């Protein structure tokens, strides 16, 4: 999981669009996150190309527990404390 976190933090630091997605997820309530996760699962259900699989993994990680908040905190720290998770 640490590698996935590191990849997402790096992506956020390099791409404003990815950062924006994480920020928006942080603003969702738990109920909204669960609804969004259901939509994500439905959307990616029959997708099996590499980019879709990677996107699906990304959403699963950021929607789990408080991972989006943890990732955002690491981004705000410039990714320096990725090993402290």
N, C-alpha and C. Protein backbone atom coordinates (compact mmCIF):
# COMPACT_ATOMS: atom_id res chain seq x y z
N UNK A 1 0.83 -1.20 0.00
CA UNK A 1 0.00 0.00 0.00
C UNK A 1 0.87 1.25 0.00
N UNK A 2 2.04 1.17 0.64
CA UNK A 2 2.93 2.33 0.72
C UNK A 2 3.36 2.78 -0.67
N UNK A 3 3.65 1.82 -1.55
CA UNK A 3 4.04 2.17 -2.92
C UNK A 3 2.91 2.89 -3.64
N UNK A 4 1.69 2.42 -3.44
CA UNK A 4 0.54 3.06 -4.08
C UNK A 4 0.35 4.48 -3.56
N UNK A 5 0.51 4.66 -2.25
CA UNK A 5 0.41 6.00 -1.67
C UNK A 5 1.48 6.90 -2.29
N UNK A 6 2.70 6.40 -2.36
CA UNK A 6 3.80 7.19 -2.91
C UNK A 6 3.52 7.58 -4.36
N UNK A 7 2.99 6.65 -5.13
CA UNK A 7 2.65 6.94 -6.52
C UNK A 7 1.57 8.02 -6.62
N UNK A 8 0.56 7.92 -5.78
CA UNK A 8 -0.53 8.90 -5.81
C UNK A 8 -0.03 10.27 -5.37
N UNK A 9 0.78 10.31 -4.33
CA UNK A 9 1.35 11.59 -3.87
C UNK A 9 2.17 12.22 -4.98
N UNK A 10 3.01 11.43 -5.61
CA UNK A 10 3.84 11.93 -6.72
C UNK A 10 2.96 12.45 -7.85
N UNK A 11 1.92 11.70 -8.18
CA UNK A 11 1.01 12.12 -9.25
C UNK A 11 0.32 13.43 -8.89
N UNK A 12 -0.07 13.58 -7.63
CA UNK A 12 -0.71 14.83 -7.18
C UNK A 12 0.25 16.01 -7.29
N UNK A 13 1.51 15.78 -6.97
CA UNK A 13 2.50 16.85 -7.04
C UNK A 13 2.80 17.25 -8.48
N UNK A 14 2.61 16.31 -9.40
CA UNK A 14 2.94 16.56 -10.81
C UNK A 14 1.73 16.94 -11.66
N UNK A 15 0.53 16.61 -11.21
CA UNK A 15 -0.65 16.80 -12.05
C UNK A 15 -1.79 17.41 -11.22
N UNK A 16 -2.14 18.63 -11.53
CA UNK A 16 -3.21 19.34 -10.80
C UNK A 16 -4.54 18.61 -10.88
N UNK A 17 -4.79 17.90 -11.98
CA UNK A 17 -6.07 17.19 -12.13
C UNK A 17 -6.20 16.07 -11.10
N UNK A 18 -5.12 15.35 -10.87
CA UNK A 18 -5.14 14.28 -9.87
C UNK A 18 -5.32 14.88 -8.48
N UNK A 19 -4.59 15.95 -8.21
CA UNK A 19 -4.71 16.63 -6.92
C UNK A 19 -6.15 17.10 -6.70
N UNK A 20 -6.75 17.64 -7.73
CA UNK A 20 -8.13 18.12 -7.64
C UNK A 20 -9.10 16.99 -7.29
N UNK A 21 -8.89 15.83 -7.85
CA UNK A 21 -9.75 14.67 -7.55
C UNK A 21 -9.63 14.31 -6.07
N UNK A 22 -8.40 14.26 -5.57
CA UNK A 22 -8.18 13.92 -4.16
C UNK A 22 -8.82 14.97 -3.26
N UNK A 23 -8.67 16.23 -3.62
CA UNK A 23 -9.27 17.31 -2.83
C UNK A 23 -10.79 17.20 -2.81
N UNK A 24 -11.39 16.89 -3.94
CA UNK A 24 -12.84 16.75 -4.01
C UNK A 24 -13.33 15.56 -3.17
N UNK A 25 -12.59 14.47 -3.20
CA UNK A 25 -12.94 13.30 -2.39
C UNK A 25 -12.91 13.66 -0.91
N UNK A 26 -11.93 14.47 -0.51
CA UNK A 26 -11.82 14.89 0.89
C UNK A 26 -13.05 15.66 1.36
N UNK A 27 -13.71 16.32 0.45
CA UNK A 27 -14.88 17.13 0.80
C UNK A 27 -16.17 16.31 0.92
N UNK A 28 -16.14 15.07 0.46
CA UNK A 28 -17.34 14.24 0.49
C UNK A 28 -17.58 13.66 1.88
N UNK A 29 -18.84 13.52 2.23
CA UNK A 29 -19.20 12.84 3.48
C UNK A 29 -18.98 11.34 3.27
N UNK A 30 -19.04 10.58 4.35
CA UNK A 30 -18.86 9.13 4.25
C UNK A 30 -19.94 8.52 3.35
N UNK A 31 -21.16 8.99 3.50
CA UNK A 31 -22.26 8.48 2.66
C UNK A 31 -22.02 8.80 1.19
N UNK A 32 -21.57 10.01 0.90
CA UNK A 32 -21.28 10.39 -0.48
C UNK A 32 -20.13 9.56 -1.06
N UNK A 33 -19.15 9.27 -0.23
CA UNK A 33 -18.03 8.43 -0.68
C UNK A 33 -18.51 7.03 -1.02
N UNK A 34 -19.38 6.49 -0.20
CA UNK A 34 -19.91 5.15 -0.46
C UNK A 34 -20.72 5.13 -1.76
N UNK A 35 -21.51 6.16 -1.98
CA UNK A 35 -22.29 6.26 -3.22
C UNK A 35 -21.35 6.39 -4.43
N UNK A 36 -20.32 7.21 -4.28
CA UNK A 36 -19.36 7.39 -5.37
C UNK A 36 -18.61 6.09 -5.65
N UNK A 37 -18.23 5.38 -4.60
CA UNK A 37 -17.54 4.10 -4.77
C UNK A 37 -18.42 3.11 -5.54
N UNK A 38 -19.70 3.10 -5.25
CA UNK A 38 -20.63 2.24 -5.99
C UNK A 38 -20.63 2.60 -7.47
N UNK A 39 -20.64 3.90 -7.77
CA UNK A 39 -20.61 4.35 -9.16
C UNK A 39 -19.29 3.97 -9.83
N UNK A 40 -18.19 4.11 -9.10
CA UNK A 40 -16.88 3.75 -9.64
C UNK A 40 -16.85 2.26 -9.98
N UNK A 41 -17.34 1.43 -9.07
CA UNK A 41 -17.35 -0.01 -9.30
C UNK A 41 -18.20 -0.37 -10.52
N UNK A 42 -19.34 0.29 -10.64
CA UNK A 42 -20.20 0.03 -11.81
C UNK A 42 -19.51 0.45 -13.11
N UNK A 43 -18.89 1.62 -13.08
CA UNK A 43 -18.25 2.14 -14.28
C UNK A 43 -17.11 1.23 -14.74
N UNK A 44 -16.29 0.77 -13.81
CA UNK A 44 -15.11 0.00 -14.17
C UNK A 44 -15.37 -1.50 -14.23
N UNK A 45 -16.61 -1.93 -14.00
CA UNK A 45 -16.94 -3.35 -13.94
C UNK A 45 -16.43 -4.14 -15.15
N UNK A 46 -16.67 -3.63 -16.34
CA UNK A 46 -16.29 -4.38 -17.54
C UNK A 46 -15.08 -3.79 -18.26
N UNK A 47 -14.35 -2.93 -17.59
CA UNK A 47 -13.15 -2.33 -18.18
C UNK A 47 -11.95 -3.17 -17.77
N UNK A 48 -11.10 -3.51 -18.73
CA UNK A 48 -9.94 -4.32 -18.38
C UNK A 48 -8.65 -3.86 -19.05
N UNK A 49 -8.69 -2.69 -19.69
CA UNK A 49 -7.44 -2.17 -20.25
C UNK A 49 -6.59 -1.60 -19.12
N UNK A 50 -5.30 -1.49 -19.35
CA UNK A 50 -4.36 -1.11 -18.29
C UNK A 50 -4.69 0.23 -17.63
N UNK A 51 -5.04 1.23 -18.42
CA UNK A 51 -5.32 2.54 -17.83
C UNK A 51 -6.58 2.51 -16.97
N UNK A 52 -7.57 1.75 -17.38
CA UNK A 52 -8.80 1.64 -16.58
C UNK A 52 -8.54 0.91 -15.27
N UNK A 53 -7.74 -0.13 -15.32
CA UNK A 53 -7.40 -0.88 -14.11
C UNK A 53 -6.64 0.02 -13.14
N UNK A 54 -5.71 0.81 -13.65
CA UNK A 54 -4.95 1.73 -12.79
C UNK A 54 -5.87 2.80 -12.19
N UNK A 55 -6.77 3.33 -12.98
CA UNK A 55 -7.71 4.33 -12.48
C UNK A 55 -8.62 3.72 -11.41
N UNK A 56 -9.06 2.50 -11.63
CA UNK A 56 -9.91 1.81 -10.65
C UNK A 56 -9.16 1.64 -9.32
N UNK A 57 -7.92 1.20 -9.39
CA UNK A 57 -7.10 1.04 -8.18
C UNK A 57 -6.95 2.38 -7.46
N UNK A 58 -6.71 3.44 -8.23
CA UNK A 58 -6.56 4.78 -7.66
C UNK A 58 -7.81 5.15 -6.86
N UNK A 59 -8.97 4.98 -7.46
CA UNK A 59 -10.21 5.33 -6.77
C UNK A 59 -10.45 4.45 -5.55
N UNK A 60 -10.17 3.17 -5.66
CA UNK A 60 -10.35 2.29 -4.50
C UNK A 60 -9.49 2.75 -3.33
N UNK A 61 -8.26 3.13 -3.62
CA UNK A 61 -7.35 3.57 -2.56
C UNK A 61 -7.82 4.87 -1.94
N UNK A 62 -8.13 5.87 -2.75
CA UNK A 62 -8.47 7.17 -2.17
C UNK A 62 -9.84 7.18 -1.50
N UNK A 63 -10.69 6.24 -1.85
CA UNK A 63 -12.01 6.18 -1.22
C UNK A 63 -12.03 5.31 0.04
N UNK A 64 -10.96 4.59 0.30
CA UNK A 64 -10.90 3.73 1.47
C UNK A 64 -10.52 4.53 2.72
N UNK A 65 -11.24 4.27 3.80
CA UNK A 65 -10.98 4.90 5.10
C UNK A 65 -10.77 6.41 4.93
N UNK A 66 -9.68 6.92 5.46
CA UNK A 66 -9.36 8.35 5.32
C UNK A 66 -8.11 8.52 4.47
N UNK A 67 -7.94 7.65 3.49
CA UNK A 67 -6.75 7.69 2.65
C UNK A 67 -6.62 8.99 1.87
N UNK A 68 -7.72 9.54 1.40
CA UNK A 68 -7.65 10.80 0.65
C UNK A 68 -7.07 11.90 1.52
N UNK A 69 -7.49 11.95 2.77
CA UNK A 69 -6.97 12.97 3.69
C UNK A 69 -5.49 12.75 3.97
N UNK A 70 -5.10 11.49 4.14
CA UNK A 70 -3.68 11.17 4.37
C UNK A 70 -2.84 11.58 3.18
N UNK A 71 -3.33 11.28 1.99
CA UNK A 71 -2.60 11.63 0.77
C UNK A 71 -2.49 13.14 0.63
N UNK A 72 -3.59 13.84 0.88
CA UNK A 72 -3.57 15.30 0.78
C UNK A 72 -2.57 15.90 1.76
N UNK A 73 -2.52 15.36 2.96
CA UNK A 73 -1.56 15.85 3.95
C UNK A 73 -0.12 15.64 3.46
N UNK A 74 0.15 14.48 2.89
CA UNK A 74 1.48 14.21 2.36
C UNK A 74 1.82 15.15 1.21
N UNK A 75 0.85 15.44 0.38
CA UNK A 75 1.06 16.36 -0.74
C UNK A 75 1.40 17.75 -0.19
N UNK A 76 0.65 18.18 0.82
CA UNK A 76 0.90 19.49 1.41
C UNK A 76 2.29 19.58 2.03
N UNK A 77 2.82 18.43 2.47
CA UNK A 77 4.18 18.38 3.02
C UNK A 77 5.22 18.17 1.92
N UNK A 78 4.77 18.18 0.68
CA UNK A 78 5.68 17.99 -0.44
C UNK A 78 6.12 16.56 -0.63
N UNK A 79 5.40 15.62 -0.03
CA UNK A 79 5.72 14.20 -0.18
C UNK A 79 6.89 13.75 0.67
N UNK A 80 7.40 14.62 1.52
CA UNK A 80 8.60 14.30 2.31
C UNK A 80 8.38 13.20 3.34
N UNK A 81 7.19 13.07 3.88
CA UNK A 81 6.98 12.10 4.97
C UNK A 81 6.20 10.87 4.53
N UNK A 82 6.39 10.44 3.31
CA UNK A 82 5.67 9.28 2.79
C UNK A 82 5.98 8.02 3.60
N UNK A 83 7.15 7.93 4.18
CA UNK A 83 7.53 6.73 4.94
C UNK A 83 6.94 6.70 6.34
N UNK A 84 6.24 7.76 6.75
CA UNK A 84 5.66 7.82 8.09
C UNK A 84 4.25 7.23 8.17
N UNK A 85 3.75 6.74 7.08
CA UNK A 85 2.38 6.19 7.07
C UNK A 85 2.35 4.88 7.82
